């Protein structure tokens, strides 16, 4: 499909069949003449035939719309931005985030494959090369390893109650065209699952893979270069049946890729399934990941708070029963817990369900109320000195400062509290910028250890991801 193509077809939205025109960015629906009044009523009050007073802002409330494309005689699925719908004359317009272009109608998908330049570095594409040789006469020979030796083990996880099997694989492309390299090696991620026509699931899987790569690169602007779909065929294998297309361009950072600022597959290979599982279940905090590497080098009050939130969220996940407290704090915890429990038991029949749930939440979280951010950072930091001590000591020393977990915890807590209480004009001290960088490293160390990665591999991962050489 050429980038200049304009696609047309039909689809049904709110029980009305529209003709669509799609230019690869926005979708326009042509209103049928016999439905002008009905559609116009979505946007305002009719004061005369065909004349409406604007009344409502109308939003596209459907995530996906399935249509039939006239040019290719095949299905096309649009995933909307669920933003506002604009009405102009006899057309409706709204933004599209991505779409699936099928090669035929009524397709069930059993595999998705993803190609990304970031994956070439995560699962080193060059390791597919077995040998290279040159002769004095100018003959160059390049031999690749076989498929078995360039494919990873399977990693199983569950997404939306569907079992999924993931693996990494190095693909080979040979070219005869001028301007193209004769041999290309690219790493892919392949996901196999029971054949489905659930497009919402396919979209969710796309999001999970995108989040996974972003997590391994600590930046959002990764590139999903190619997303292909496969369907079961009669002889028992799989054949290509369609492709995901992403709308809009992100600024790539090829220089960051060349610096190998990413976590390597070999460092987390035993944790891949668990990480994918948690991303799919929204159990891995990712909101602190910066839009780009360049953006991540600039600490703002908002990014500072997001990083501390990532730490606290991860801390609570790891220490589900809280952490050790002083005798005085334990006594206070018992007193408050007893008071809340007694009140809840006595008043249960007078309280509505929401109020009961709030009291139960307070009882279960008394321990966390007594542990301040400073205390948590200090406690967690001491658990990861074997991984981070030397890295942070070197980082602080390069900037003329001394690394001390206790002091860093106090400064981070003080700065976070200032921002949380509206003191956004408070300047960062240089050492506090080092502290928040340390906290980013600590969050990754905590998360990777939680997934069972050993300390030496965690150290390798953090050194590579944050370029701490």
Protein backbone atom coordinates (compact mmCIF):
# COMPACT_ATOMS: atom_id res chain seq x y z
CA UNK A 1 0.00 0.00 0.00
CA UNK A 2 1.57 3.30 -1.09
CA UNK A 3 1.78 6.19 1.36
CA UNK A 4 -0.03 8.44 -1.11
CA UNK A 5 -3.05 6.16 -1.28
CA UNK A 6 -6.45 7.45 -0.24
CA UNK A 7 -8.63 4.62 0.95
CA UNK A 8 -12.40 4.53 0.71
CA UNK A 9 -15.01 2.09 1.89
CA UNK A 10 -17.90 1.67 4.27
CA UNK A 11 -18.31 1.09 7.99
CA UNK A 12 -21.06 1.15 10.58
CA UNK A 13 -21.03 3.54 13.54
CA UNK A 14 -23.97 3.92 15.94
CA UNK A 15 -26.05 1.67 13.67
CA UNK A 16 -25.57 4.01 10.71
CA UNK A 17 -23.69 2.87 7.61
CA UNK A 18 -21.22 5.53 6.47
CA UNK A 19 -18.95 5.81 3.47
CA UNK A 20 -15.44 6.58 4.71
CA UNK A 21 -12.45 8.39 3.21
CA UNK A 22 -9.11 7.77 4.93
CA UNK A 23 -5.89 9.68 4.22
CA UNK A 24 -3.70 7.69 6.68
CA UNK A 25 -4.13 10.26 9.46
CA UNK A 26 -7.74 11.26 9.87
CA UNK A 27 -10.90 9.40 9.06
CA UNK A 28 -13.82 11.15 7.38
CA UNK A 29 -17.29 9.67 7.41
CA UNK A 30 -19.76 10.86 4.78
CA UNK A 31 -23.22 11.23 6.29
CA UNK A 32 -25.98 9.45 4.33
CA UNK A 33 -28.62 11.88 3.13
CA UNK A 34 -31.41 10.07 4.94
CA UNK A 35 -29.46 10.28 8.24
CA UNK A 36 -28.53 14.01 8.20
CA UNK A 37 -31.15 14.94 10.79
CA UNK A 38 -30.29 12.05 13.10
CA UNK A 39 -26.53 12.75 13.00
CA UNK A 40 -27.07 16.50 13.28
CA UNK A 41 -28.97 15.93 16.53
CA UNK A 42 -25.75 14.58 18.09
CA UNK A 43 -24.26 18.06 17.80
CA UNK A 44 -27.12 20.43 18.55
CA UNK A 45 -30.77 21.37 18.52
CA UNK A 46 -32.56 21.60 15.18
CA UNK A 47 -34.30 24.96 14.66
CA UNK A 48 -35.17 24.43 11.00
CA UNK A 49 -34.78 21.60 8.49
CA UNK A 50 -31.02 20.98 8.26
CA UNK A 51 -30.20 23.92 10.60
CA UNK A 52 -28.87 23.19 14.11
CA UNK A 53 -27.78 25.32 17.06
CA UNK A 54 -24.48 23.89 18.37
CA UNK A 55 -25.04 22.35 21.75
CA UNK A 56 -22.74 19.44 22.37
CA UNK A 57 -19.09 18.50 22.06
CA UNK A 58 -19.24 15.02 20.58
CA UNK A 59 -16.57 12.46 21.34
CA UNK A 60 -15.71 9.29 19.47
CA UNK A 61 -16.56 6.77 22.17
CA UNK A 62 -15.63 3.60 20.26
CA UNK A 63 -12.03 2.41 20.41
CA UNK A 64 -12.27 0.55 17.12
CA UNK A 65 -14.31 0.65 13.96
CA UNK A 66 -14.30 -2.18 11.42
CA UNK A 67 -14.83 -1.31 7.78
CA UNK A 68 -14.58 -2.74 4.29
CA UNK A 69 -12.13 -1.17 1.84
CA UNK A 70 -13.32 -0.80 -1.75
CA UNK A 71 -9.83 -0.57 -3.30
CA UNK A 72 -8.58 -3.87 -1.91
CA UNK A 73 -11.86 -5.69 -1.24
CA UNK A 74 -10.64 -6.51 2.25
CA UNK A 75 -11.30 -5.58 5.88
CA UNK A 76 -9.73 -2.57 7.58
CA UNK A 77 -9.88 -1.86 11.32
CA UNK A 78 -9.44 1.67 12.67
CA UNK A 79 -8.35 2.33 16.25
CA UNK A 80 -9.56 5.78 17.21
CA UNK A 81 -7.99 8.36 19.52
CA UNK A 82 -11.39 8.59 21.27
CA UNK A 83 -11.15 12.36 20.88
CA UNK A 84 -13.64 14.91 19.55
CA UNK A 85 -15.60 14.44 16.35
CA UNK A 86 -15.69 17.45 14.02
CA UNK A 87 -18.73 17.98 11.82
CA UNK A 88 -18.37 19.92 8.61
CA UNK A 89 -21.17 20.03 6.05
CA UNK A 90 -21.97 16.39 5.39
CA UNK A 91 -18.84 14.81 6.90
CA UNK A 92 -17.60 13.74 10.31
CA UNK A 93 -13.85 13.81 11.01
CA UNK A 94 -11.80 12.38 13.86
CA UNK A 95 -8.25 11.25 14.59
CA UNK A 96 -6.94 7.70 14.22
CA UNK A 97 -4.09 6.25 16.32
CA UNK A 98 -3.44 3.13 14.30
CA UNK A 99 -5.15 0.79 11.88
CA UNK A 100 -4.99 -2.79 10.64
CA UNK A 101 -5.00 -3.38 6.92
CA UNK A 102 -5.99 -6.95 6.09
CA UNK A 103 -5.30 -8.78 2.85
CA UNK A 104 -8.79 -10.29 2.78
CA UNK A 105 -12.08 -10.47 4.67
CA UNK A 106 -13.04 -12.30 7.89
CA UNK A 107 -9.56 -13.06 9.22
CA UNK A 108 -8.61 -14.69 12.52
CA UNK A 109 -5.12 -13.83 13.79
CA UNK A 110 -2.86 -16.34 15.59
CA UNK A 111 0.49 -14.53 15.51
CA UNK A 112 1.89 -11.02 15.64
CA UNK A 113 5.49 -10.14 14.81
CA UNK A 114 7.22 -6.87 15.68
CA UNK A 115 10.31 -5.36 14.10
CA UNK A 116 12.02 -2.35 15.67
CA UNK A 117 15.51 -0.84 15.43
CA UNK A 118 15.60 -1.00 19.24
CA UNK A 119 15.09 -4.76 19.08
CA UNK A 120 18.22 -5.04 16.90
CA UNK A 121 20.18 -3.81 19.94
CA UNK A 122 18.16 -5.56 22.67
CA UNK A 123 18.50 -8.95 20.93
CA UNK A 124 21.76 -8.33 19.10
CA UNK A 125 21.01 -8.89 15.41
CA UNK A 126 24.71 -9.20 14.55
CA UNK A 127 25.06 -12.40 16.54
CA UNK A 128 23.37 -14.15 13.61
CA UNK A 129 26.65 -13.82 11.71
CA UNK A 130 28.68 -17.02 12.04
CA UNK A 131 31.77 -15.93 10.06
CA UNK A 132 33.13 -13.29 7.70
CA UNK A 133 36.00 -13.74 5.27
CA UNK A 134 37.75 -11.71 2.57
CA UNK A 135 40.06 -12.93 -0.15
CA UNK A 136 42.85 -10.93 -1.87
CA UNK A 137 40.79 -11.09 -5.05
CA UNK A 138 37.99 -9.15 -3.35
CA UNK A 139 35.59 -12.04 -2.64
CA UNK A 140 33.61 -11.47 0.57
CA UNK A 141 31.81 -14.34 2.27
CA UNK A 142 29.34 -13.89 5.11
CA UNK A 143 27.83 -16.98 6.72
CA UNK A 144 24.90 -16.80 9.10
CA UNK A 145 23.90 -19.19 11.84
CA UNK A 146 20.80 -21.31 11.34
CA UNK A 147 17.34 -20.33 12.59
CA UNK A 148 17.54 -22.54 15.67
CA UNK A 149 20.64 -20.74 16.91
CA UNK A 150 19.20 -17.29 16.31
CA UNK A 151 15.88 -17.83 18.08
CA UNK A 152 15.38 -17.40 21.81
CA UNK A 153 13.54 -19.65 24.22
CA UNK A 154 9.80 -19.13 24.55
CA UNK A 155 8.46 -16.81 27.23
CA UNK A 156 4.89 -17.44 28.30
CA UNK A 157 2.56 -14.86 29.81
CA UNK A 158 -1.14 -14.10 30.05
CA UNK A 159 -2.92 -11.12 28.54
CA UNK A 160 -6.66 -10.56 28.97
CA UNK A 161 -7.02 -14.21 30.04
CA UNK A 162 -5.37 -15.41 26.82
CA UNK A 163 -2.16 -17.44 26.93
CA UNK A 164 0.61 -15.90 24.81
CA UNK A 165 4.01 -17.32 23.88
CA UNK A 166 6.75 -14.83 22.99
CA UNK A 167 10.19 -15.32 21.46
CA UNK A 168 12.95 -13.29 19.89
CA UNK A 169 14.13 -14.14 16.42
CA UNK A 170 16.65 -12.77 13.91
CA UNK A 171 15.24 -12.45 10.40
CA UNK A 172 17.23 -12.33 7.15
CA UNK A 173 16.42 -10.11 4.18
CA UNK A 174 18.28 -10.28 0.87
CA UNK A 175 18.01 -7.42 -1.62
CA UNK A 176 18.83 -7.10 -5.30
CA UNK A 177 17.76 -3.46 -5.59
CA UNK A 178 20.23 -0.62 -6.01
CA UNK A 179 20.67 1.50 -2.90
CA UNK A 180 19.79 -1.41 -0.60
CA UNK A 181 22.30 -3.62 1.29
CA UNK A 182 22.44 -7.13 -0.20
CA UNK A 183 21.88 -8.68 3.26
CA UNK A 184 19.94 -7.27 6.21
CA UNK A 185 19.64 -8.82 9.66
CA UNK A 186 16.87 -7.61 11.96
CA UNK A 187 15.64 -8.82 15.33
CA UNK A 188 11.94 -9.43 15.80
CA UNK A 189 9.60 -10.36 18.61
CA UNK A 190 7.04 -13.02 17.71
CA UNK A 191 3.87 -13.67 19.72
CA UNK A 192 1.74 -16.79 19.25
CA UNK A 193 -1.74 -17.28 20.70
CA UNK A 194 -5.02 -19.02 19.96
CA UNK A 195 -6.53 -17.68 16.74
CA UNK A 196 -8.80 -14.73 17.45
CA UNK A 197 -10.77 -12.01 15.73
CA UNK A 198 -10.71 -9.89 18.92
CA UNK A 199 -9.13 -6.71 17.61
CA UNK A 200 -9.13 -5.08 21.05
CA UNK A 201 -6.81 -7.92 22.19
CA UNK A 202 -4.47 -7.33 19.24
CA UNK A 203 -4.35 -3.64 20.08
CA UNK A 204 -3.62 -4.43 23.74
CA UNK A 205 -0.79 -6.76 22.72
CA UNK A 206 0.66 -4.01 20.54
CA UNK A 207 0.59 -1.66 23.55
CA UNK A 208 2.23 -4.25 25.82
CA UNK A 209 5.08 -4.81 23.36
CA UNK A 210 5.54 -1.07 22.94
CA UNK A 211 5.67 -0.60 26.72
CA UNK A 212 8.12 -3.50 27.06
CA UNK A 213 10.57 -2.00 24.57
CA UNK A 214 10.18 1.44 26.17
CA UNK A 215 10.97 -0.09 29.55
CA UNK A 216 14.16 -1.71 28.22
CA UNK A 217 15.21 1.60 26.62
CA UNK A 218 13.95 4.08 29.28
CA UNK A 219 12.31 6.32 26.68
CA UNK A 220 8.92 6.42 24.98
CA UNK A 221 10.05 7.37 21.45
CA UNK A 222 10.90 3.87 20.32
CA UNK A 223 10.01 2.88 16.75
CA UNK A 224 7.71 0.01 15.86
CA UNK A 225 8.89 -0.29 12.31
CA UNK A 226 6.77 -3.24 11.25
CA UNK A 227 3.89 -5.14 12.89
CA UNK A 228 2.69 -8.10 10.85
CA UNK A 229 -0.27 -10.39 11.46
CA UNK A 230 -0.55 -14.10 10.61
CA UNK A 231 -3.51 -16.44 10.28
CA UNK A 232 -3.72 -20.26 10.33
CA UNK A 233 -3.80 -21.81 6.86
CA UNK A 234 -5.23 -25.07 5.62
CA UNK A 235 -1.99 -27.08 5.68
CA UNK A 236 -1.47 -26.33 9.38
CA UNK A 237 1.06 -23.51 9.16
CA UNK A 238 0.63 -19.75 9.30
CA UNK A 239 0.52 -17.17 6.54
CA UNK A 240 0.71 -13.40 6.53
CA UNK A 241 -2.74 -11.84 6.53
CA UNK A 242 -2.34 -8.18 7.44
CA UNK A 243 -0.36 -5.44 9.04
CA UNK A 244 -0.66 -2.80 11.76
CA UNK A 245 0.08 0.77 10.67
CA UNK A 246 0.85 3.46 13.25
CA UNK A 247 -0.34 7.00 12.58
CA UNK A 248 1.99 9.93 13.28
CA UNK A 249 5.76 10.07 13.50
CA UNK A 250 7.91 10.14 16.61
CA UNK A 251 11.33 11.74 16.59
CA UNK A 252 13.78 8.85 16.68
CA UNK A 253 17.12 8.95 18.48
CA UNK A 254 19.48 6.84 16.41
CA UNK A 255 22.46 8.31 18.24
CA UNK A 256 21.08 6.88 21.50
CA UNK A 257 20.70 3.48 19.86
CA UNK A 258 24.29 3.57 18.63
CA UNK A 259 25.42 4.26 22.20
CA UNK A 260 23.64 1.02 23.18
CA UNK A 261 21.61 2.71 25.92
CA UNK A 262 19.29 -0.23 26.48
CA UNK A 263 18.96 -3.37 28.53
CA UNK A 264 20.23 -6.46 26.73
CA UNK A 265 18.03 -9.53 26.32
CA UNK A 266 20.72 -11.76 27.86
CA UNK A 267 20.53 -9.78 31.11
CA UNK A 268 16.77 -10.26 31.55
CA UNK A 269 15.98 -13.39 29.52
CA UNK A 270 14.74 -15.32 32.57
CA UNK A 271 12.37 -12.46 33.47
CA UNK A 272 10.82 -11.61 30.08
CA UNK A 273 7.58 -13.53 30.66
CA UNK A 274 7.09 -12.04 34.14
CA UNK A 275 7.72 -8.51 32.90
CA UNK A 276 5.27 -8.92 30.01
CA UNK A 277 2.73 -10.41 32.43
CA UNK A 278 2.96 -7.41 34.75
CA UNK A 279 2.84 -4.86 31.94
CA UNK A 280 -0.34 -6.49 30.64
CA UNK A 281 -1.85 -6.45 34.14
CA UNK A 282 -0.75 -2.83 34.77
CA UNK A 283 1.48 -4.03 37.60
CA UNK A 284 4.71 -2.43 36.40
CA UNK A 285 4.95 1.33 36.93
CA UNK A 286 6.02 3.01 33.68
CA UNK A 287 4.66 6.56 33.87
CA UNK A 288 8.01 8.04 34.86
CA UNK A 289 9.67 6.93 31.60
CA UNK A 290 10.59 10.11 29.66
CA UNK A 291 9.33 10.89 26.17
CA UNK A 292 12.91 10.80 24.84
CA UNK A 293 16.45 10.37 26.08
CA UNK A 294 16.98 14.08 25.56
CA UNK A 295 13.89 14.87 27.58
CA UNK A 296 15.02 12.49 30.33
CA UNK A 297 18.18 14.54 30.82
CA UNK A 298 16.07 17.49 31.97
CA UNK A 299 14.61 17.15 35.47
CA UNK A 300 11.47 19.21 36.06
CA UNK A 301 9.22 19.32 39.15
CA UNK A 302 6.77 17.03 37.30
CA UNK A 303 9.41 14.46 36.31
CA UNK A 304 10.91 14.61 39.83
CA UNK A 305 7.55 13.74 41.38
CA UNK A 306 6.91 10.99 38.83
CA UNK A 307 10.25 9.32 39.63
CA UNK A 308 9.54 9.42 43.38
CA UNK A 309 6.07 8.02 42.67
CA UNK A 310 7.64 5.19 40.66
CA UNK A 311 9.85 4.42 43.65
CA UNK A 312 6.99 4.44 46.16
CA UNK A 313 4.77 2.34 43.90
CA UNK A 314 7.56 -0.21 43.42
CA UNK A 315 8.44 -0.16 47.11
CA UNK A 316 4.85 -0.95 48.12
CA UNK A 317 4.71 -3.80 45.59
CA UNK A 318 7.92 -5.34 46.94
CA UNK A 319 7.21 -4.85 50.63
CA UNK A 320 3.56 -5.83 50.74
CA UNK A 321 3.66 -6.32 54.52
CA UNK A 322 5.58 -3.16 55.19
CA UNK A 323 9.03 -2.96 56.75
CA UNK A 324 10.50 -3.04 60.20
CA UNK A 325 9.72 -0.08 62.48
CA UNK A 326 10.94 1.15 65.86
CA UNK A 327 9.17 0.00 69.05
CA UNK A 328 7.56 3.44 69.38
CA UNK A 329 6.26 3.34 65.80
CA UNK A 330 4.98 -0.21 66.22
CA UNK A 331 3.08 0.82 69.34
CA UNK A 332 1.53 3.75 67.47
CA UNK A 333 0.61 1.46 64.59
CA UNK A 334 -1.14 -1.00 66.94
CA UNK A 335 -3.04 1.81 68.66
CA UNK A 336 -4.32 3.33 65.40
CA UNK A 337 -5.12 -0.08 63.90
CA UNK A 338 -7.08 -1.13 66.99
CA UNK A 339 -9.00 2.16 67.05
CA UNK A 340 -9.95 1.98 63.38
CA UNK A 341 -10.87 -1.72 63.57
CA UNK A 342 -13.01 -1.23 66.68
CA UNK A 343 -14.83 1.73 65.13
CA UNK A 344 -15.42 -0.18 61.88
CA UNK A 345 -16.83 -3.20 63.72
CA UNK A 346 -19.15 -1.10 65.89
CA UNK A 347 -20.38 1.12 63.08
CA UNK A 348 -20.46 -1.36 60.18
CA UNK A 349 -24.25 -1.53 59.99
CA UNK A 350 -24.50 2.28 59.76
CA UNK A 351 -21.84 2.76 57.09
CA UNK A 352 -22.29 2.42 53.35
CA UNK A 353 -20.03 0.16 51.32
CA UNK A 354 -17.71 2.92 50.05
CA UNK A 355 -17.05 4.23 53.58
CA UNK A 356 -16.34 0.69 54.80
CA UNK A 357 -13.87 0.19 51.97
CA UNK A 358 -12.04 3.41 52.89
CA UNK A 359 -11.72 2.32 56.53
CA UNK A 360 -10.47 -1.11 55.44
CA UNK A 361 -7.92 0.58 53.17
CA UNK A 362 -6.72 2.77 56.06
CA UNK A 363 -6.34 -0.23 58.36
CA UNK A 364 -4.34 -2.15 55.76
CA UNK A 365 -2.06 0.82 55.10
CA UNK A 366 -1.27 2.11 58.59
CA UNK A 367 2.26 0.73 58.26
CA UNK A 368 2.85 2.76 55.08
CA UNK A 369 1.54 5.92 56.72
CA UNK A 370 4.29 5.59 59.32
CA UNK A 371 7.10 5.07 56.80
CA UNK A 372 8.14 8.32 55.17
CA UNK A 373 9.70 8.62 51.73
CA UNK A 374 13.04 9.32 53.38
CA UNK A 375 12.76 6.17 55.48
CA UNK A 376 11.77 4.05 52.47
CA UNK A 377 14.65 5.29 50.27
CA UNK A 378 17.12 4.76 53.09
CA UNK A 379 15.77 1.27 53.76
CA UNK A 380 15.65 0.19 50.11
CA UNK A 381 18.98 1.81 49.30
CA UNK A 382 20.79 -0.31 51.89
CA UNK A 383 19.33 -3.46 50.29
CA UNK A 384 20.99 -2.68 46.94
CA UNK A 385 24.45 -1.47 47.89
CA UNK A 386 26.07 -4.51 46.27
CA UNK A 387 24.56 -3.46 42.93
CA UNK A 388 24.68 0.34 43.08
CA UNK A 389 27.31 1.47 45.60
CA UNK A 390 30.28 1.53 43.23
CA UNK A 391 28.28 2.94 40.32
CA UNK A 392 26.82 5.78 42.38
CA UNK A 393 30.09 6.54 44.19
CA UNK A 394 31.76 7.01 40.80
CA UNK A 395 28.87 9.11 39.46
CA UNK A 396 28.80 11.45 42.46
CA UNK A 397 32.60 11.70 42.55
CA UNK A 398 32.69 12.73 38.87
CA UNK A 399 30.46 15.65 39.87
CA UNK A 400 32.45 16.63 42.95
CA UNK A 401 30.02 15.14 45.45
CA UNK A 402 30.02 12.27 47.94
CA UNK A 403 27.46 9.48 47.69
CA UNK A 404 25.61 8.84 50.96
CA UNK A 405 22.28 6.99 50.92
CA UNK A 406 20.96 8.59 54.10
CA UNK A 407 21.71 12.14 52.94
CA UNK A 408 20.34 11.47 49.46
CA UNK A 409 17.11 10.11 50.96
CA UNK A 410 16.70 13.21 53.11
CA UNK A 411 17.30 15.61 50.21
CA UNK A 412 14.90 13.76 47.87
CA UNK A 413 12.18 13.70 50.52
CA UNK A 414 12.59 17.40 51.29
CA UNK A 415 12.52 18.36 47.61
CA UNK A 416 9.49 16.16 46.87
CA UNK A 417 7.55 17.63 49.80
CA UNK A 418 8.34 21.15 48.61
CA UNK A 419 6.97 20.36 45.14
CA UNK A 420 3.96 18.48 46.53
CA UNK A 421 2.99 21.54 48.59
CA UNK A 422 3.15 23.89 45.63
CA UNK A 423 6.68 25.29 45.94
CA UNK A 424 7.37 24.75 42.25
CA UNK A 425 9.72 27.73 42.04
CA UNK A 426 12.23 26.10 44.37
CA UNK A 427 15.50 25.51 42.54
CA UNK A 428 17.20 22.14 42.42
CA UNK A 429 20.53 21.81 44.13
CA UNK A 430 23.08 20.13 41.88
CA UNK A 431 23.43 17.26 44.31
CA UNK A 432 19.65 16.70 44.33
CA UNK A 433 19.80 16.14 40.57
CA UNK A 434 22.34 13.39 41.27
CA UNK A 435 20.02 12.02 43.95
CA UNK A 436 17.04 11.70 41.61
CA UNK A 437 19.32 10.02 39.04
CA UNK A 438 20.29 7.55 41.76
CA UNK A 439 16.60 6.96 42.50
CA UNK A 440 15.98 6.07 38.84
CA UNK A 441 18.73 3.46 39.07
CA UNK A 442 17.31 2.16 42.35
CA UNK A 443 13.83 1.73 40.85
CA UNK A 444 15.22 -0.45 38.04
CA UNK A 445 17.31 -2.45 40.51
CA UNK A 446 14.24 -3.10 42.68
CA UNK A 447 12.05 -4.05 39.74
CA UNK A 448 14.58 -6.40 38.14
CA UNK A 449 15.36 -8.15 41.43
CA UNK A 450 11.62 -8.57 41.99
CA UNK A 451 11.49 -10.43 38.64
CA UNK A 452 14.28 -12.76 39.72
CA UNK A 453 17.21 -11.25 37.82
CA UNK A 454 20.47 -11.87 39.69
CA UNK A 455 22.48 -8.94 41.03
CA UNK A 456 25.34 -9.15 38.55
CA UNK A 457 22.95 -9.05 35.59
CA UNK A 458 21.03 -6.17 37.19
CA UNK A 459 24.28 -4.25 37.45
CA UNK A 460 25.04 -4.96 33.78
CA UNK A 461 21.53 -3.83 32.79
CA UNK A 462 21.73 -0.53 34.69
CA UNK A 463 25.24 0.21 33.44
CA UNK A 464 24.14 -0.32 29.86
CA UNK A 465 20.77 1.46 30.12
CA UNK A 466 22.19 4.58 31.78
CA UNK A 467 25.61 4.45 30.12
CA UNK A 468 27.50 4.16 33.43
CA UNK A 469 30.88 3.08 32.10
